[in-house]
Protein backbone atom coordinates (compact mmCIF):
# COMPACT_ATOMS: atom_id res chain seq x y z
CA MET A 1 0.00 0.01 0.08
CA SER A 2 1.41 3.27 -0.76
CA GLU A 3 1.90 5.92 1.53
CA ASN A 4 -0.55 8.28 0.08
CA ALA A 5 -3.21 5.03 -0.11
CA SER A 6 -2.29 4.87 3.81
CA PHE A 7 -3.22 8.50 4.65
CA ARG A 8 -6.27 8.73 2.93
CA GLU A 9 -7.59 5.46 4.52
CA VAL A 10 -6.23 6.43 7.87
CA PHE A 11 -7.70 9.91 7.82
CA ALA A 12 -11.25 8.87 6.32
CA VAL A 13 -11.35 6.41 9.37
CA PHE A 14 -10.18 8.83 11.92
CA LEU A 15 -12.20 11.90 10.81
CA ARG A 16 -15.30 9.75 11.37
CA LEU A 17 -14.27 9.05 14.94
CA GLY A 18 -13.53 12.82 15.45
CA LEU A 19 -16.57 13.86 14.15
CA THR A 20 -18.69 11.06 16.44
CA SER A 21 -16.83 10.30 19.51
CA PHE A 22 -17.94 11.83 22.33
CA GLY A 23 -17.08 11.38 26.00
CA GLY A 24 -13.90 11.89 27.05
CA PRO A 25 -10.49 9.52 27.01
CA ALA A 26 -12.46 6.52 28.69
CA ALA A 27 -15.03 6.34 25.92
CA HIS A 28 -12.21 6.67 22.96
CA LEU A 29 -10.92 4.17 23.94
CA GLY A 30 -13.87 2.14 23.95
CA TYR A 31 -14.74 3.77 20.46
CA PHE A 32 -11.06 2.35 19.02
CA HIS A 33 -11.16 -0.83 20.57
CA ASP A 34 -14.24 -1.40 18.04
CA GLU A 35 -13.17 -0.06 15.23
CA PHE A 36 -9.52 -1.09 15.04
CA VAL A 37 -9.75 -4.71 16.92
CA ARG A 38 -13.52 -5.56 16.25
CA ARG A 39 -14.38 -4.23 13.21
CA ARG A 40 -11.37 -3.82 10.80
CA ARG A 41 -8.73 -6.15 12.59
CA TRP A 42 -5.92 -3.71 12.41
CA LEU A 43 -4.62 -4.66 15.58
CA SER A 44 -5.23 -7.34 18.11
CA GLU A 45 -6.14 -7.26 21.44
CA SER A 46 -3.01 -7.79 22.89
CA ALA A 47 -1.38 -5.72 20.64
CA TYR A 48 -4.14 -2.75 21.35
CA GLY A 49 -3.89 -3.57 25.21
CA GLU A 50 0.19 -3.25 25.07
CA VAL A 51 -0.50 0.30 22.60
CA VAL A 52 -3.10 1.24 25.22
CA ALA A 53 -0.58 0.77 28.31
CA LEU A 54 2.40 2.94 26.87
CA CYS A 55 -0.10 5.82 26.24
CA GLN A 56 -1.53 5.65 29.97
CA LEU A 57 2.50 5.72 31.61
CA LEU A 58 3.45 8.45 29.07
CA PRO A 59 2.30 11.87 30.04
CA GLY A 60 0.26 13.60 28.01
CA PRO A 61 -3.18 12.75 26.23
CA ALA A 62 -3.55 8.74 26.71
CA SER A 63 -6.65 8.95 24.17
CA SER A 64 -4.98 10.84 21.39
CA GLN A 65 -1.66 9.53 21.49
CA THR A 66 -3.38 5.77 21.35
CA GLY A 67 -4.93 7.28 17.84
CA LEU A 68 -1.86 8.59 16.81
CA ALA A 69 0.09 4.95 17.55
CA ILE A 70 -2.86 3.63 15.24
CA GLY A 71 -2.18 5.60 12.93
CA PHE A 72 1.51 5.10 12.63
CA LEU A 73 1.59 1.32 12.74
CA ARG A 74 -1.01 1.84 9.98
CA GLY A 75 0.90 3.94 8.00
CA HIS A 76 4.22 5.30 9.33
CA TYR A 77 4.58 8.57 9.97
CA ALA A 78 2.06 10.01 7.51
CA GLY A 79 -0.83 7.66 9.02
CA ALA A 80 0.22 9.31 11.99
CA LEU A 81 -0.39 12.53 10.98
CA ALA A 82 -3.66 11.66 9.38
CA ALA A 83 -4.87 9.86 12.48
CA TRP A 84 -4.17 13.32 14.54
CA LEU A 85 -5.42 15.38 12.13
CA ALA A 86 -8.36 13.82 11.48
CA PHE A 87 -9.44 13.25 14.96
CA THR A 88 -7.85 16.06 16.55
CA LEU A 89 -9.27 19.12 14.20
CA PRO A 90 -13.66 18.66 14.39
CA SER A 91 -13.53 19.54 17.98
CA ALA A 92 -10.24 22.11 17.51
CA ILE A 93 -12.72 23.64 15.28
CA LEU A 94 -15.43 23.98 17.45
CA MET A 95 -14.39 24.90 20.91
CA ALA A 96 -12.07 27.76 18.27
CA LEU A 97 -15.41 28.78 17.23
CA PHE A 98 -17.07 28.44 20.31
CA ALA A 99 -14.68 30.60 21.83
CA PHE A 100 -15.00 33.61 19.06
CA GLY A 101 -18.81 33.32 19.91
CA LEU A 102 -19.28 32.87 23.45
CA THR A 103 -20.68 36.07 24.10
CA LEU A 104 -23.21 34.99 21.43
CA TRP A 105 -23.78 31.64 23.04
CA PRO A 106 -23.28 31.66 26.48
CA ASP A 107 -25.64 28.59 27.34
CA ALA A 108 -23.92 26.33 24.53
CA ALA A 109 -23.09 23.95 27.20
CA GLN A 110 -25.86 23.41 28.87
CA GLY A 111 -29.17 21.39 28.17
CA GLY A 112 -30.57 17.64 28.18
CA TRP A 113 -28.74 17.10 25.49
CA VAL A 114 -25.43 16.99 26.96
CA THR A 115 -26.95 14.57 29.97
CA GLY A 116 -28.08 12.45 26.80
CA LEU A 117 -24.41 12.12 25.16
CA LYS A 118 -23.51 11.61 28.99
CA LEU A 119 -25.49 8.33 29.46
CA PHE A 120 -24.62 7.32 25.84
CA VAL A 121 -20.98 7.20 26.91
CA VAL A 122 -21.32 5.12 29.86
CA ALA A 123 -23.01 2.82 27.82
CA VAL A 124 -20.56 2.70 25.79
CA VAL A 125 -17.44 2.59 27.90
CA GLY A 126 -19.43 -0.51 30.01
CA HIS A 127 -19.32 -2.36 26.44
CA ALA A 128 -15.56 -1.83 26.13
CA VAL A 129 -14.77 -3.29 29.73
CA TRP A 130 -16.55 -6.45 28.98
CA GLN A 131 -15.23 -7.17 25.11
CA MET A 132 -11.74 -6.42 26.37
CA GLY A 133 -11.77 -8.28 29.61
CA ARG A 134 -13.32 -10.98 28.22
CA ASN A 135 -10.22 -10.73 25.85
CA LEU A 136 -6.99 -9.36 28.23
CA CYS A 137 -7.98 -10.86 31.63
CA PRO A 138 -9.10 -14.83 30.12
CA ASP A 139 -8.24 -16.16 34.02
CA PRO A 140 -8.51 -15.81 37.48
CA LEU A 141 -5.48 -14.33 38.15
CA ARG A 142 -5.44 -11.47 35.52
CA GLN A 143 -8.94 -10.82 36.77
CA GLY A 144 -7.74 -10.53 40.14
CA LEU A 145 -5.31 -7.92 38.54
CA ALA A 146 -7.95 -6.14 37.01
CA LEU A 147 -10.29 -5.59 40.30
CA MET A 148 -6.67 -4.79 41.68
CA VAL A 149 -6.26 -1.60 39.56
CA ALA A 150 -9.66 -0.96 39.50
CA VAL A 151 -10.29 -0.85 43.40
CA ILE A 152 -6.55 1.06 44.31
CA LEU A 153 -8.07 3.55 41.62
CA LEU A 154 -11.28 4.22 42.88
CA LEU A 155 -9.78 4.74 46.46
CA ALA A 156 -7.27 7.10 45.64
CA SER A 157 -8.20 8.40 42.12
CA SER A 158 -4.70 10.38 40.82
CA ALA A 159 -2.58 10.53 37.67
CA LEU A 160 0.27 8.70 40.15
CA VAL A 161 -1.24 6.62 41.40
CA GLN A 162 -2.60 5.40 38.19
CA LEU A 163 1.12 4.85 37.41
CA ALA A 164 1.74 2.99 40.15
CA ALA A 165 -1.26 0.88 40.22
CA LEU A 166 0.25 0.12 36.66
CA SER A 167 3.35 -0.76 37.47
CA LEU A 168 2.59 -2.89 40.21
CA ALA A 169 0.30 -5.36 38.29
CA GLY A 170 3.59 -5.47 35.60
CA LEU A 171 5.33 -6.24 38.47
CA VAL A 172 2.81 -9.22 39.51
CA GLY A 173 2.74 -10.16 36.16
CA PHE A 174 6.61 -10.44 36.27
CA VAL A 175 6.72 -12.07 39.58
CA MET A 176 3.74 -14.55 38.73
CA ARG A 177 5.00 -15.14 35.25
CA VAL A 178 1.98 -14.06 33.67
CA PRO A 179 1.60 -16.27 30.42
CA PRO A 180 0.63 -13.80 27.45
CA GLY A 181 -1.91 -15.43 26.17
CA LYS A 182 -2.47 -17.34 22.60
CA GLY A 183 -2.36 -15.18 19.65
CA ALA A 184 -0.28 -12.18 21.83
CA GLU A 185 1.21 -10.67 18.94
CA SER A 186 3.92 -8.12 19.11
CA LEU A 187 3.72 -4.73 17.35
CA SER A 188 5.04 -4.25 14.14
CA LEU A 189 6.83 -1.17 13.33
CA PRO A 190 8.54 0.23 10.79
CA VAL A 191 12.11 0.93 10.72
CA GLN A 192 13.04 3.99 12.52
CA GLY A 193 16.67 4.07 12.86
CA ARG A 194 17.86 6.54 15.46
CA ARG A 195 14.92 8.72 14.93
CA PRO A 196 13.25 7.70 17.89
CA MET A 197 16.03 8.91 20.27
CA VAL A 198 16.14 12.48 18.35
CA PHE A 199 12.50 12.58 19.19
CA ALA A 200 13.36 12.00 23.22
CA VAL A 201 15.81 14.96 22.87
CA VAL A 202 13.31 17.46 21.48
CA PHE A 203 10.92 16.71 24.19
CA ALA A 204 13.28 17.18 26.65
CA LEU A 205 14.74 20.44 25.32
CA LEU A 206 11.60 22.54 24.29
CA LEU A 207 10.26 21.24 27.99
CA LEU A 208 13.25 23.16 29.64
CA ALA A 209 13.15 25.94 26.77
CA SER A 210 8.97 25.93 28.29
CA PHE A 211 10.48 27.21 31.62
CA LEU A 212 12.11 30.44 30.20
CA PRO A 213 10.29 33.53 31.45
CA ALA A 214 7.62 34.76 29.36
CA ASP A 215 5.14 38.11 29.84
CA ALA A 216 1.86 36.71 30.92
CA GLY A 217 -0.64 36.82 28.08
CA SER A 218 2.20 36.95 25.13
CA LEU A 219 2.56 34.38 22.28
CA ARG A 220 5.10 32.88 23.73
CA TRP A 221 3.61 32.32 27.14
CA LEU A 222 0.47 30.93 26.00
CA VAL A 223 3.08 27.96 23.99
CA ALA A 224 4.87 27.63 27.20
CA GLU A 225 2.04 26.96 29.52
CA MET A 226 0.28 24.70 26.93
CA TYR A 227 3.33 22.68 25.73
CA ARG A 228 4.12 22.31 30.01
CA SER A 229 0.64 21.27 30.17
CA GLY A 230 1.00 18.18 27.70
CA ALA A 231 4.60 17.45 28.77
CA LEU A 232 4.19 17.03 32.83
CA VAL A 233 0.66 15.84 32.76
CA PHE A 234 -0.45 12.00 33.34
CA GLY A 235 -3.84 10.87 32.70
CA GLY A 236 -5.05 12.30 29.94
CA GLY A 237 -7.56 15.30 29.16
CA HIS A 238 -9.70 15.05 32.47
CA VAL A 239 -6.22 15.68 34.43
CA VAL A 240 -5.23 18.60 32.66
CA LEU A 241 -7.57 20.69 33.43
CA PRO A 242 -7.15 21.60 36.69
CA TRP A 243 -3.62 22.79 35.66
CA LEU A 244 -4.60 24.85 32.87
CA GLU A 245 -7.36 26.44 35.38
CA GLU A 246 -4.67 27.27 37.77
CA GLY A 247 -2.32 28.63 34.37
CA PHE A 248 -4.98 30.81 33.34
CA VAL A 249 -7.28 31.92 35.74
CA ALA A 250 -5.04 32.27 38.31
CA SER A 251 -2.66 34.52 36.03
CA GLY A 252 -6.08 36.91 35.12
CA GLN A 253 -6.01 35.75 31.55
CA VAL A 254 -9.21 34.38 31.74
CA SER A 255 -12.17 34.28 33.79
CA ALA A 256 -13.80 31.82 35.98
CA ASP A 257 -16.86 32.41 33.98
CA THR A 258 -15.35 31.52 30.83
CA PHE A 259 -12.98 29.10 31.58
CA LEU A 260 -16.06 26.95 32.96
CA ALA A 261 -18.09 28.05 29.92
CA GLY A 262 -14.87 26.10 27.73
CA TYR A 263 -14.49 23.57 29.99
CA GLY A 264 -19.00 22.57 29.65
CA ALA A 265 -17.97 22.77 26.07
CA ALA A 266 -15.54 20.60 25.81
CA GLN A 267 -17.13 17.69 27.79
CA ALA A 268 -19.85 17.64 25.37
CA VAL A 269 -18.19 17.65 21.49
CA PRO A 270 -16.91 14.86 20.16
CA GLY A 271 -12.78 14.17 20.11
CA PRO A 272 -10.02 14.83 22.45
CA LEU A 273 -10.46 17.12 26.00
CA PHE A 274 -7.21 18.46 24.89
CA THR A 275 -8.77 20.52 22.32
CA PHE A 276 -9.64 22.94 25.18
CA SER A 277 -6.51 24.56 24.45
CA ALA A 278 -7.61 25.94 20.62
CA PHE A 279 -10.64 27.57 23.69
CA LEU A 280 -8.40 28.80 25.56
CA GLY A 281 -5.60 30.03 22.98
CA GLY A 282 -9.01 31.70 21.26
CA VAL A 283 -10.05 33.90 24.43
CA SER A 284 -6.57 34.65 24.79
CA GLY A 285 -5.15 35.16 21.33
CA GLY A 286 -7.51 34.63 18.88
CA LEU A 287 -6.94 32.81 15.86
CA PRO A 288 -3.38 32.45 16.43
CA GLY A 289 -3.47 31.87 20.50
CA ALA A 290 -6.10 28.72 18.99
CA ALA A 291 -3.51 27.24 16.54
CA LEU A 292 -0.84 27.89 18.72
CA ALA A 293 -2.35 26.29 21.88
CA LEU A 294 -3.41 23.34 20.21
CA LEU A 295 -0.17 22.38 18.80
CA ALA A 296 2.07 23.08 21.69
CA VAL A 297 -0.49 21.41 23.86
CA PHE A 298 -0.47 17.74 21.32
CA LEU A 299 3.30 18.10 20.79
CA PRO A 300 4.70 16.50 23.66
CA GLY A 301 2.51 13.66 23.53
CA VAL A 302 3.33 13.43 19.69
CA LEU A 303 7.21 13.58 20.81
CA LEU A 304 6.72 10.93 23.61
CA VAL A 305 4.79 8.44 21.04
CA PHE A 306 7.41 8.10 18.68
CA ALA A 307 10.49 8.07 21.33
CA GLY A 308 8.32 5.43 23.04
CA LEU A 309 7.11 2.80 20.72
CA PRO A 310 10.62 1.40 19.29
CA LEU A 311 11.30 0.79 23.49
CA TRP A 312 7.73 -0.92 23.97
CA GLN A 313 8.56 -3.46 21.02
CA TRP A 314 12.13 -4.33 22.64
CA LEU A 315 10.44 -4.65 25.67
CA ARG A 316 7.85 -6.75 24.08
CA ARG A 317 10.30 -9.69 22.56
CA HIS A 318 11.64 -10.54 26.05
CA GLU A 319 10.20 -13.73 27.76
CA ARG A 320 9.62 -12.01 31.35
CA ALA A 321 8.93 -8.35 29.83
CA ARG A 322 5.88 -10.41 27.92
CA SER A 323 4.56 -11.15 31.49
CA VAL A 324 4.88 -8.05 32.53
CA LEU A 325 2.88 -6.64 29.17
CA ALA A 326 0.33 -9.61 30.21
CA GLY A 327 -0.12 -7.96 33.53
CA VAL A 328 0.02 -4.58 32.49
CA ASN A 329 -2.69 -5.48 29.58
CA ALA A 330 -4.89 -7.09 32.74
CA GLY A 331 -4.38 -3.40 34.68
CA VAL A 332 -5.40 -1.48 31.80
CA VAL A 333 -8.85 -3.50 32.06
CA GLY A 334 -8.49 -2.42 35.72
CA LEU A 335 -8.13 1.33 34.82
CA LEU A 336 -10.84 1.26 32.44
CA LEU A 337 -13.22 -0.18 34.89
CA ALA A 338 -12.59 2.43 37.45
CA ALA A 339 -13.11 4.75 34.62
CA LEU A 340 -16.38 3.34 34.05
CA TYR A 341 -17.73 4.61 37.99
CA ASP A 342 -15.74 7.80 38.32
CA PRO A 343 -15.56 9.76 36.39
CA VAL A 344 -18.27 7.99 33.62
CA TRP A 345 -21.38 6.92 35.00
CA THR A 346 -20.98 9.26 38.34
CA SER A 347 -21.36 12.05 36.64
CA ALA A 348 -24.36 11.03 34.36
CA VAL A 349 -26.29 8.41 36.19
CA GLY A 350 -27.86 10.19 38.95
CA SER A 351 -31.86 9.03 38.59
CA PRO A 352 -33.93 5.48 37.61
CA ALA A 353 -34.53 7.60 34.05
CA GLY A 354 -30.76 7.83 33.55
CA LEU A 355 -29.82 4.41 34.30
CA ALA A 356 -33.11 3.27 31.99
CA PHE A 357 -31.61 5.17 29.43
CA VAL A 358 -28.13 3.72 30.23
CA LEU A 359 -29.56 0.03 29.75
CA ALA A 360 -31.75 0.84 26.49
CA THR A 361 -28.09 2.21 24.80
CA TRP A 362 -26.58 -0.56 25.74
CA TRP A 363 -29.01 -2.87 24.47
CA ALA A 364 -28.72 -0.67 21.01
CA LEU A 365 -25.05 -0.84 21.04
CA ALA A 366 -24.26 -4.25 22.08
CA VAL A 367 -27.39 -6.75 20.74
CA VAL A 368 -28.86 -4.63 17.80
CA ARG A 369 -25.31 -3.08 17.04
CA VAL A 370 -26.75 -0.07 16.21
CA PRO A 371 -23.52 2.12 15.23
CA VAL A 372 -22.03 4.73 17.50
CA TRP A 373 -22.29 7.82 14.86
CA ILE A 374 -25.92 6.86 14.78
CA LEU A 375 -26.40 6.17 18.63
CA ALA A 376 -24.42 9.39 19.19
CA PRO A 377 -26.68 11.98 18.03
CA ALA A 378 -29.71 10.28 18.40
CA SER A 379 -29.15 10.00 22.46
CA ALA A 380 -28.58 13.79 22.34
CA ILE A 381 -31.90 14.32 20.62
CA LEU A 382 -33.44 11.94 23.58
CA GLY A 383 -31.80 13.80 26.07
CA ALA A 384 -32.63 17.22 24.66
CA LEU A 385 -36.47 15.56 24.93
CA LEU A 386 -36.43 13.46 28.46
CA PHE A 387 -34.05 15.67 30.95
């Protein structure tokens, strides 16, 4: 397959996901699993679990990094670019437009249609947990690892605890020599030479440069603030928002009311939550600010994926490392199980009517197999009517 053909193929698939993937990082992993493991079979269950585990262990937007890695595995750097552009631009454009028109549409992030989308996400994530659990946790030991990670994260939910829980699952896998399971496949990577080291060095140099003094409110300050956020925050979109609030609200660049309005809109649009950066950049610096903020917050995650994938494959080829990865894969299921409850369930289901909505949506998704791009807008419409 030619590189151009790969670009077109990957771009088309991810553009549909970028237009329909509501619900934040946990839901995106469910969409990716359904699209690339179950339907298109671009990845095996185990390979997908390893990609997710790697991206969870790296700073930055985990779901976007997972999509970037899938695009890279499918079409090299052109595929990675296609995946990032197609998955990111729809929500980034919406968030930038919302920033420009906030005074004309102050209540855009409120209403029953948002409730409908949140309930839809509960069904999507629940379905993903069930599918991945059946394949990545086939025995009592790995089921126990998944439950252990879920319990740890529910008791002490933070980015560092998440990292420690996945590491603990890998350690148990190493000690217990957990088998990788039938059909396990190593990630097949294009040849990169010394490029991964170059990406790692560029990441570190830009991080150091982001700490240089800059005038608050300037484009240079905006880029530095966004790059630090993308480089240092573990846990994805939900975790980066408090960091950005401290940087933009505490400095007086954005009012608290404006920040919260943008936060609500970021929860409602499809695509990665990191596109909230386009909103803050648009409010702070207009169209140039929106573009620079978007690129700056995603750049560190991109560099880390390109630097980390070859190391991941090297580890994957060693027998004991395979046991570690089997344990981490089980931990990923536990991570999604914890996310299913908090924040997905707790922020959406607050009444018997909400539970009934989730059950009906899950039935449509898992039994009738209604496509998510139909269920998402239908859930929004029904939510507006019912809630």
